Protein backbone atom coordinates (compact mmCIF):
# COMPACT_ATOMS: atom_id res chain seq x y z
CA UNK A 1 4.95 -34.21 -51.58
CA UNK A 2 7.70 -35.47 -53.54
CA UNK A 3 8.13 -33.88 -56.79
CA UNK A 4 9.81 -36.83 -58.84
CA UNK A 5 7.85 -39.96 -58.81
CA UNK A 6 9.42 -43.32 -60.19
CA UNK A 7 8.12 -46.42 -61.11
CA UNK A 8 9.77 -49.64 -62.40
CA UNK A 9 8.20 -52.27 -64.52
CA UNK A 10 9.20 -54.75 -66.93
CA UNK A 11 12.81 -53.14 -66.92
CA UNK A 12 11.27 -49.91 -67.76
CA UNK A 13 11.62 -47.02 -65.02
CA UNK A 14 8.54 -44.35 -65.23
CA UNK A 15 9.65 -40.92 -64.40
CA UNK A 16 7.11 -38.55 -63.48
CA UNK A 17 7.60 -34.69 -63.06
CA UNK A 18 5.05 -34.44 -60.04
CA UNK A 19 3.87 -30.59 -59.33
CA UNK A 20 0.54 -30.44 -61.03
CA UNK A 21 -0.45 -27.27 -58.82
CA UNK A 22 1.96 -25.23 -60.99
CA UNK A 23 1.78 -27.62 -64.10
CA UNK A 24 5.07 -29.36 -63.28
CA UNK A 25 6.81 -26.30 -63.88
CA UNK A 26 10.60 -26.43 -63.76
CA UNK A 27 11.96 -25.91 -60.00
CA UNK A 28 15.63 -25.96 -58.05
CA UNK A 29 13.96 -28.70 -55.85
CA UNK A 30 12.49 -30.86 -58.66
CA UNK A 31 16.01 -30.55 -60.37
CA UNK A 32 17.49 -32.45 -57.34
CA UNK A 33 15.03 -34.76 -56.57
CA UNK A 34 15.07 -35.82 -60.48
CA UNK A 35 19.10 -35.90 -60.15
CA UNK A 36 18.96 -38.26 -57.53
CA UNK A 37 16.16 -40.55 -59.32
CA UNK A 38 18.43 -40.85 -62.16
CA UNK A 39 21.47 -42.17 -60.18
CA UNK A 40 19.13 -44.74 -58.62
CA UNK A 41 17.72 -45.91 -62.13
CA UNK A 42 21.42 -45.97 -63.42
CA UNK A 43 23.00 -47.80 -60.82
CA UNK A 44 19.99 -50.45 -61.03
CA UNK A 45 20.73 -52.98 -63.15
CA UNK A 46 17.24 -54.13 -63.65
CA UNK A 47 16.24 -50.99 -65.33
CA UNK A 48 16.75 -50.47 -68.97
CA UNK A 49 15.01 -47.69 -69.96
CA UNK A 50 13.34 -44.78 -69.12
CA UNK A 51 9.81 -43.24 -70.28
CA UNK A 52 9.76 -39.29 -68.88
CA UNK A 53 5.96 -37.96 -68.56
CA UNK A 54 4.32 -35.47 -66.41
CA UNK A 55 1.30 -35.44 -63.66
CA UNK A 56 -1.92 -34.24 -65.70
CA UNK A 57 -2.71 -31.59 -66.91
CA UNK A 58 0.93 -30.81 -68.03
CA UNK A 59 4.10 -32.33 -68.98
CA UNK A 60 6.08 -29.19 -67.62
CA UNK A 61 4.75 -25.79 -68.29
CA UNK A 62 8.43 -23.84 -68.14
CA UNK A 63 10.75 -22.56 -65.56
CA UNK A 64 9.66 -21.46 -61.92
CA UNK A 65 9.45 -17.84 -62.37
CA UNK A 66 10.95 -16.62 -59.45
CA UNK A 67 13.95 -19.04 -59.43
CA UNK A 68 14.18 -17.58 -63.31
CA UNK A 69 14.09 -14.05 -61.86
CA UNK A 70 16.79 -14.54 -59.36
CA UNK A 71 19.27 -16.35 -62.00
CA UNK A 72 20.92 -13.41 -62.63
CA UNK A 73 24.46 -15.25 -63.97
CA UNK A 74 25.71 -18.01 -66.02
CA UNK A 75 25.98 -20.31 -62.93
CA UNK A 76 23.11 -19.38 -61.73
CA UNK A 77 20.80 -20.32 -64.59
CA UNK A 78 23.15 -23.90 -65.19
CA UNK A 79 21.25 -24.64 -61.81
CA UNK A 80 17.67 -24.32 -63.51
CA UNK A 81 18.67 -26.48 -66.63
CA UNK A 82 20.33 -29.07 -64.73
CA UNK A 83 17.61 -31.47 -64.27
CA UNK A 84 16.56 -31.62 -68.24
CA UNK A 85 20.51 -31.69 -68.78
CA UNK A 86 20.53 -35.01 -66.40
CA UNK A 87 17.93 -36.27 -68.75
CA UNK A 88 20.23 -35.96 -71.91
CA UNK A 89 23.56 -36.93 -70.53
CA UNK A 90 22.07 -40.54 -68.95
CA UNK A 91 22.87 -43.39 -71.00
CA UNK A 92 19.76 -45.26 -70.64
CA UNK A 93 17.58 -44.66 -73.77
CA UNK A 94 14.59 -42.43 -73.00
CA UNK A 95 11.08 -41.64 -74.27
CA UNK A 96 9.23 -38.58 -73.55
CA UNK A 97 5.47 -39.08 -73.02
CA UNK A 98 4.34 -35.43 -73.72
CA UNK A 99 0.97 -35.17 -71.88
CA UNK A 100 -0.12 -31.44 -72.36
CA UNK A 101 2.03 -28.47 -72.60
CA UNK A 102 5.70 -28.48 -72.88
CA UNK A 103 7.01 -24.81 -72.42
CA UNK A 104 10.33 -23.02 -72.62
CA UNK A 105 12.23 -25.36 -70.07
CA UNK A 106 9.24 -27.68 -69.95
CA UNK A 107 9.90 -28.30 -73.32
CA UNK A 108 13.55 -28.67 -72.82
CA UNK A 109 12.67 -32.31 -70.71
CA UNK A 110 11.30 -33.20 -73.96
CA UNK A 111 14.23 -32.37 -76.27
CA UNK A 112 16.38 -34.04 -73.82
CA UNK A 113 15.10 -37.55 -74.40
CA UNK A 114 15.93 -39.93 -77.23
CA UNK A 115 12.23 -40.05 -78.68
CA UNK A 116 8.99 -38.03 -78.14
CA UNK A 117 5.61 -39.19 -78.28
CA UNK A 118 3.02 -36.48 -78.21
CA UNK A 119 -0.84 -37.19 -76.83
CA UNK A 120 -3.22 -35.37 -78.99
CA UNK A 121 -3.50 -32.70 -75.72
CA UNK A 122 0.55 -32.38 -76.10
CA UNK A 123 1.06 -28.38 -77.21
CA UNK A 124 5.01 -27.51 -77.45
CA UNK A 125 6.12 -24.02 -77.17
CA UNK A 126 9.68 -22.37 -77.10
CA UNK A 127 8.16 -19.25 -75.31
CA UNK A 128 11.03 -17.67 -74.91
CA UNK A 129 10.40 -14.92 -76.93
CA UNK A 130 7.15 -13.82 -75.56
CA UNK A 131 9.11 -13.38 -71.82
CA UNK A 132 11.76 -11.63 -73.79
CA UNK A 133 14.47 -14.18 -72.65
CA UNK A 134 17.35 -15.69 -74.71
CA UNK A 135 16.63 -19.45 -75.27
CA UNK A 136 18.99 -21.50 -72.76
CA UNK A 137 20.45 -24.75 -72.17
CA UNK A 138 20.94 -26.27 -75.55
CA UNK A 139 17.38 -25.82 -76.66
CA UNK A 140 18.08 -24.46 -79.87
CA UNK A 141 20.62 -26.94 -80.93
CA UNK A 142 18.25 -29.28 -79.76
CA UNK A 143 15.15 -27.98 -81.79
CA UNK A 144 17.20 -27.84 -84.84
CA UNK A 145 18.98 -31.14 -84.73
CA UNK A 146 15.63 -32.88 -84.27
CA UNK A 147 13.72 -30.99 -87.06
CA UNK A 148 15.11 -28.11 -88.83
CA UNK A 149 16.24 -24.72 -89.01
CA UNK A 150 12.82 -23.32 -90.38
CA UNK A 151 11.00 -25.18 -87.27
CA UNK A 152 13.37 -23.64 -85.18
CA UNK A 153 13.07 -20.40 -86.64
CA UNK A 154 9.13 -20.56 -86.47
CA UNK A 155 9.11 -21.42 -82.70
CA UNK A 156 11.61 -19.74 -81.17
CA UNK A 157 11.74 -16.61 -83.27
CA UNK A 158 8.30 -16.61 -84.40
CA UNK A 159 6.78 -17.67 -81.44
CA UNK A 160 5.12 -20.39 -82.84
CA UNK A 161 3.14 -23.72 -81.01
CA UNK A 162 2.69 -26.80 -82.13
CA UNK A 163 0.55 -29.04 -81.21
CA UNK A 164 0.80 -33.13 -81.05
CA UNK A 165 -0.22 -33.71 -84.33
CA UNK A 166 1.45 -30.83 -85.67
CA UNK A 167 4.61 -31.88 -83.82
CA UNK A 168 4.44 -35.56 -85.40
CA UNK A 169 3.81 -34.28 -89.16
CA UNK A 170 7.04 -32.08 -88.95
CA UNK A 171 9.30 -34.77 -86.82
CA UNK A 172 9.42 -32.86 -83.52
CA UNK A 173 7.44 -36.27 -82.23
CA UNK A 174 7.99 -39.50 -83.18
CA UNK A 175 4.54 -39.95 -83.51
CA UNK A 176 1.18 -38.47 -82.42
CA UNK A 177 -1.40 -41.17 -80.43
CA UNK A 178 -4.49 -40.86 -78.26
CA UNK A 179 -4.13 -39.36 -74.74
CA UNK A 180 -5.38 -42.57 -73.01
CA UNK A 181 -2.78 -44.78 -75.41
CA UNK A 182 0.13 -42.58 -74.46
CA UNK A 183 1.63 -44.00 -71.62
CA UNK A 184 1.28 -47.37 -72.64
CA UNK A 185 2.80 -46.31 -76.51
CA UNK A 186 5.74 -44.78 -74.85
CA UNK A 187 6.58 -48.20 -72.39
CA UNK A 188 5.59 -50.21 -75.32
CA UNK A 189 8.81 -48.96 -77.07
CA UNK A 190 10.83 -48.33 -74.24
CA UNK A 191 10.40 -52.39 -73.50
CA UNK A 192 12.45 -53.13 -76.45
CA UNK A 193 15.79 -51.57 -75.60
CA UNK A 194 14.83 -52.96 -71.98
CA UNK A 195 14.72 -56.73 -73.28
CA UNK A 196 18.23 -56.49 -74.79
CA UNK A 197 21.81 -56.49 -72.83
CA UNK A 198 21.57 -52.98 -70.99
CA UNK A 199 25.32 -52.73 -72.10
CA UNK A 200 24.55 -53.28 -75.92
CA UNK A 201 21.39 -50.76 -75.81
CA UNK A 202 23.67 -47.97 -73.85
CA UNK A 203 26.31 -48.57 -77.08
CA UNK A 204 23.66 -48.07 -79.61
CA UNK A 205 22.40 -44.89 -78.01
CA UNK A 206 26.41 -43.75 -77.74
CA UNK A 207 26.60 -44.26 -81.44
CA UNK A 208 23.98 -42.94 -82.80
CA UNK A 209 24.48 -39.59 -80.79
CA UNK A 210 28.36 -39.80 -81.92
CA UNK A 211 27.14 -39.73 -85.29
CA UNK A 212 26.60 -36.30 -85.45
CA UNK A 213 30.00 -35.53 -85.91
CA UNK A 214 30.87 -37.89 -88.35
CA UNK A 215 31.71 -36.68 -91.66
CA UNK A 216 31.53 -39.96 -93.71
CA UNK A 217 30.78 -43.36 -94.83
CA UNK A 218 34.47 -44.49 -93.65
CA UNK A 219 34.35 -42.81 -90.49
CA UNK A 220 30.96 -44.05 -89.90
CA UNK A 221 31.87 -47.85 -90.54
CA UNK A 222 34.70 -47.27 -88.38
CA UNK A 223 33.10 -46.01 -85.74
CA UNK A 224 30.81 -48.78 -85.99
CA UNK A 225 32.94 -51.73 -86.13
CA UNK A 226 34.50 -51.82 -82.91
CA UNK A 227 31.06 -52.02 -80.76
CA UNK A 228 29.55 -54.78 -83.38
CA UNK A 229 32.48 -56.89 -82.72
CA UNK A 230 32.33 -56.75 -78.83
CA UNK A 231 28.47 -57.05 -79.55
CA UNK A 232 28.90 -60.26 -81.61
CA UNK A 233 31.19 -61.66 -78.89
CA UNK A 234 28.45 -61.75 -76.40
CA UNK A 235 26.64 -64.76 -75.35
CA UNK A 236 23.30 -63.08 -76.11
CA UNK A 237 24.08 -62.43 -79.83
CA UNK A 238 25.07 -66.16 -80.33
CA UNK A 239 21.88 -67.23 -78.19
CA UNK A 240 19.31 -64.82 -80.27
CA UNK A 241 20.94 -66.46 -83.37
CA UNK A 242 20.43 -69.89 -82.71
CA UNK A 243 16.90 -69.68 -81.93
CA UNK A 244 16.49 -67.65 -84.87
CA UNK A 245 17.78 -70.30 -87.21
CA UNK A 246 15.81 -72.76 -85.57
CA UNK A 247 12.57 -70.67 -85.56
CA UNK A 248 13.56 -70.83 -89.57
CA UNK A 249 14.29 -74.58 -89.57
CA UNK A 250 11.00 -74.96 -87.82
CA UNK A 251 8.72 -73.04 -90.39
CA UNK A 252 10.65 -74.36 -93.52
CA UNK A 253 10.34 -78.05 -92.38
CA UNK A 254 6.31 -77.66 -91.19
């Protein structure tokens, strides 16, 4: 059985974690399949964005416990987190469609994406506290960057869990939608960056990520000016501006 399923439509790849018998728990085999899947997607020029989800009834319910117990050194722990780090490092825009439990290492898969959408059945739980293990894979850093220090403390140190509506309320998720609309909403969002030149979307993603280390306006302006000038030299920019000007002209003359 394939542990990672891939479907491509209209420039958007839907990548599905597919081990429902164990609620899509993160395993070394799944990580290897995920790595190979992202290699293929990044090499495919027709793919402009990725939606990551899980086969029902869960998004991903955490790490494989036997593999976790066997990972008794930093190198072994790194192999457990390799899959979600592969998602975090892709230059392609990514949307997590969280359709159930996202727990521990499984929650890391959601945190690795650029945008998180939650279904009403979603449940976010750090759970490291409950099994007496320190968080790993950058869990606390990503959670604090997406939300705030209090949310990170509440979830990591005090074991609080969030359902889909609450996750959207505090900014862990961009929005919460009905379960039956979740995947299409994620694909709808992903189609927008997928419909611009691929290198432009990748450059925009990199710039937003880089801004976390920028301290002032002047540095931000300097960081953006190069890629902005590059984008203006591309034929797509000129074509879209010409089409916009024509549309404006037609609307004012009618």
